[in-house]
Amino acid sequence: MKNMKKKGVFQVVCPCCHSLLWLDPVSREVIQSKKGGGKKKQTLDDLLLKEKKRKSAFERRFEATAELEKERKKKAEEGFRKALSKVEKED
């Protein structure tokens, strides 16, 4: 590792696999790599917050869908009433 610091080699973490890579700035090659730990572990608090957000989003979508269904039903009833009154007038 000491030789690498003398050459100007630097480390980066791969954003995809989280591996540690040592790069040579002159040749632009990977000199060494070390497998990363994979996904970052989440704490219980992070998971609970994520679940609350997901539940909240689900409830908002459900309420919006229910409201749309009420509007459709209201329009259908209005259309039925208009058609019924039209038929009664023709008789």
C-alpha atoms as a PDB file:
ATOM      1  CA  MET A   1       0.000   0.000   0.000  1.00  0.00           C
ATOM      2  CA  LYS A   2       2.930   2.343   0.655  1.00  0.00           C
ATOM      3  CA  ASN A   3       4.050   1.993  -2.977  1.00  0.00           C
ATOM      4  CA  MET A   4       0.572   2.966  -4.089  1.00  0.00           C
ATOM      5  CA  LYS A   5       0.623   6.230  -2.119  1.00  0.00           C
ATOM      6  CA  LYS A   6       3.946   7.203  -3.673  1.00  0.00           C
ATOM      7  CA  LYS A   7       2.599   6.729  -7.202  1.00  0.00           C
ATOM      8  CA  GLY A   8      -0.422   8.969  -6.567  1.00  0.00           C
ATOM      9  CA  VAL A   9      -2.831   6.051  -6.554  1.00  0.00           C
ATOM     10  CA  PHE A  10      -6.210   6.900  -5.030  1.00  0.00           C
ATOM     11  CA  GLN A  11      -9.165   4.952  -3.715  1.00  0.00           C
ATOM     12  CA  VAL A  12     -12.785   5.125  -4.820  1.00  0.00           C
ATOM     13  CA  VAL A  13     -15.869   3.177  -3.847  1.00  0.00           C
ATOM     14  CA  CYS A  14     -17.898   1.686  -6.690  1.00  0.00           C
ATOM     15  CA  PRO A  15     -21.461   3.100  -6.492  1.00  0.00           C
ATOM     16  CA  CYS A  16     -22.959  -0.141  -7.857  1.00  0.00           C
ATOM     17  CA  CYS A  17     -21.280  -2.936  -5.912  1.00  0.00           C
ATOM     18  CA  HIS A  18     -19.638  -0.875  -3.128  1.00  0.00           C
ATOM     19  CA  SER A  19     -16.233  -2.407  -3.840  1.00  0.00           C
ATOM     20  CA  LEU A  20     -13.109  -0.477  -2.921  1.00  0.00           C
ATOM     21  CA  LEU A  21     -10.995   0.271  -5.999  1.00  0.00           C
ATOM     22  CA  TRP A  22      -7.429   1.586  -6.196  1.00  0.00           C
ATOM     23  CA  LEU A  23      -6.851   3.584  -9.380  1.00  0.00           C
ATOM     24  CA  ASP A  24      -3.662   4.747 -11.070  1.00  0.00           C
ATOM     25  CA  PRO A  25      -4.224   8.326 -12.293  1.00  0.00           C
ATOM     26  CA  VAL A  26      -1.553   8.082 -14.998  1.00  0.00           C
ATOM     27  CA  SER A  27      -2.578   4.846 -16.699  1.00  0.00           C
ATOM     28  CA  ARG A  28      -6.234   5.137 -15.578  1.00  0.00           C
ATOM     29  CA  GLU A  29      -6.327   1.476 -14.628  1.00  0.00           C
ATOM     30  CA  VAL A  30      -7.644  -0.355 -11.610  1.00  0.00           C
ATOM     31  CA  ILE A  31      -4.599  -1.593  -9.739  1.00  0.00           C
ATOM     32  CA  GLN A  32      -6.368  -3.419  -6.951  1.00  0.00           C
ATOM     33  CA  SER A  33      -9.917  -4.063  -5.811  1.00  0.00           C
ATOM     34  CA  LYS A  34     -11.577  -5.324  -2.669  1.00  0.00           C
ATOM     35  CA  LYS A  35     -15.156  -6.538  -2.601  1.00  0.00           C
ATOM     36  CA  GLY A  36     -17.516  -4.325  -0.668  1.00  0.00           C
ATOM     37  CA  GLY A  37     -19.997  -5.226   1.986  1.00  0.00           C
ATOM     38  CA  GLY A  38     -22.923  -5.048  -0.404  1.00  0.00           C
ATOM     39  CA  LYS A  39     -25.977  -3.040   0.510  1.00  0.00           C
ATOM     40  CA  LYS A  40     -25.791  -0.628   3.386  1.00  0.00           C
ATOM     41  CA  LYS A  41     -27.551  -2.065   6.419  1.00  0.00           C
ATOM     42  CA  GLN A  42     -30.577  -0.070   7.497  1.00  0.00           C
ATOM     43  CA  THR A  43     -31.462   0.564  11.090  1.00  0.00           C
ATOM     44  CA  LEU A  44     -34.819  -0.362  12.527  1.00  0.00           C
ATOM     45  CA  ASP A  45     -35.732   3.329  12.735  1.00  0.00           C
ATOM     46  CA  ASP A  46     -34.971   3.763   9.021  1.00  0.00           C
ATOM     47  CA  LEU A  47     -37.124   0.774   8.146  1.00  0.00           C
ATOM     48  CA  LEU A  48     -40.005   1.999  10.332  1.00  0.00           C
ATOM     49  CA  LEU A  49     -39.840   5.466   8.753  1.00  0.00           C
ATOM     50  CA  LYS A  50     -39.820   3.931   5.271  1.00  0.00           C
ATOM     51  CA  GLU A  51     -42.842   1.774   6.157  1.00  0.00           C
ATOM     52  CA  LYS A  52     -44.735   4.800   7.548  1.00  0.00           C
ATOM     53  CA  LYS A  53     -44.109   6.718   4.325  1.00  0.00           C
ATOM     54  CA  ARG A  54     -45.248   3.750   2.235  1.00  0.00           C
ATOM     55  CA  LYS A  55     -48.399   3.343   4.333  1.00  0.00           C
ATOM     56  CA  SER A  56     -49.157   7.062   4.121  1.00  0.00           C
ATOM     57  CA  ALA A  57     -48.745   7.051   0.335  1.00  0.00           C
ATOM     58  CA  PHE A  58     -51.022   4.003   0.085  1.00  0.00           C
ATOM     59  CA  GLU A  59     -53.707   5.722   2.170  1.00  0.00           C
ATOM     60  CA  ARG A  60     -53.544   8.861   0.006  1.00  0.00           C
ATOM     61  CA  ARG A  61     -53.909   6.791  -3.166  1.00  0.00           C
ATOM     62  CA  PHE A  62     -56.803   4.849  -1.648  1.00  0.00           C
ATOM     63  CA  GLU A  63     -58.609   8.061  -0.658  1.00  0.00           C
ATOM     64  CA  ALA A  64     -58.061   9.563  -4.108  1.00  0.00           C
ATOM     65  CA  THR A  65     -59.416   6.415  -5.741  1.00  0.00           C
ATOM     66  CA  ALA A  66     -62.456   6.419  -3.461  1.00  0.00           C
ATOM     67  CA  GLU A  67     -63.122  10.073  -4.299  1.00  0.00           C
ATOM     68  CA  LEU A  68     -62.888   9.361  -8.031  1.00  0.00           C
ATOM     69  CA  GLU A  69     -65.320   6.473  -7.619  1.00  0.00           C
ATOM     70  CA  LYS A  70     -67.804   8.757  -5.832  1.00  0.00           C
ATOM     71  CA  GLU A  71     -67.558  11.291  -8.665  1.00  0.00           C
ATOM     72  CA  ARG A  72     -68.152   8.581 -11.287  1.00  0.00           C
ATOM     73  CA  LYS A  73     -71.162   7.289  -9.396  1.00  0.00           C
ATOM     74  CA  LYS A  74     -72.558  10.822  -9.075  1.00  0.00           C
ATOM     75  CA  LYS A  75     -72.156  11.470 -12.814  1.00  0.00           C
ATOM     76  CA  ALA A  76     -73.745   8.135 -13.674  1.00  0.00           C
ATOM     77  CA  GLU A  77     -76.744   8.910 -11.444  1.00  0.00           C
ATOM     78  CA  GLU A  78     -77.140  12.338 -13.064  1.00  0.00           C
ATOM     79  CA  GLY A  79     -77.011  10.778 -16.501  1.00  0.00           C
ATOM     80  CA  PHE A  80     -79.607   8.197 -15.469  1.00  0.00           C
ATOM     81  CA  ARG A  81     -81.923  10.895 -14.085  1.00  0.00           C
ATOM     82  CA  LYS A  82     -81.614  12.940 -17.286  1.00  0.00           C
ATOM     83  CA  ALA A  83     -82.351   9.908 -19.438  1.00  0.00           C
ATOM     84  CA  LEU A  84     -85.304   8.938 -17.237  1.00  0.00           C
ATOM     85  CA  SER A  85     -86.807  12.436 -17.368  1.00  0.00           C
ATOM     86  CA  LYS A  86     -86.298  12.497 -21.144  1.00  0.00           C
ATOM     87  CA  VAL A  87     -88.207   9.206 -21.500  1.00  0.00           C
ATOM     88  CA  GLU A  88     -91.032  10.456 -19.226  1.00  0.00           C
ATOM     89  CA  LYS A  89     -91.372  13.643 -21.336  1.00  0.00           C
ATOM     90  CA  GLU A  90     -91.687  11.619 -24.536  1.00  0.00           C
ATOM     91  CA  ASP A  91     -94.559   9.587 -23.127  1.00  0.00           C
END
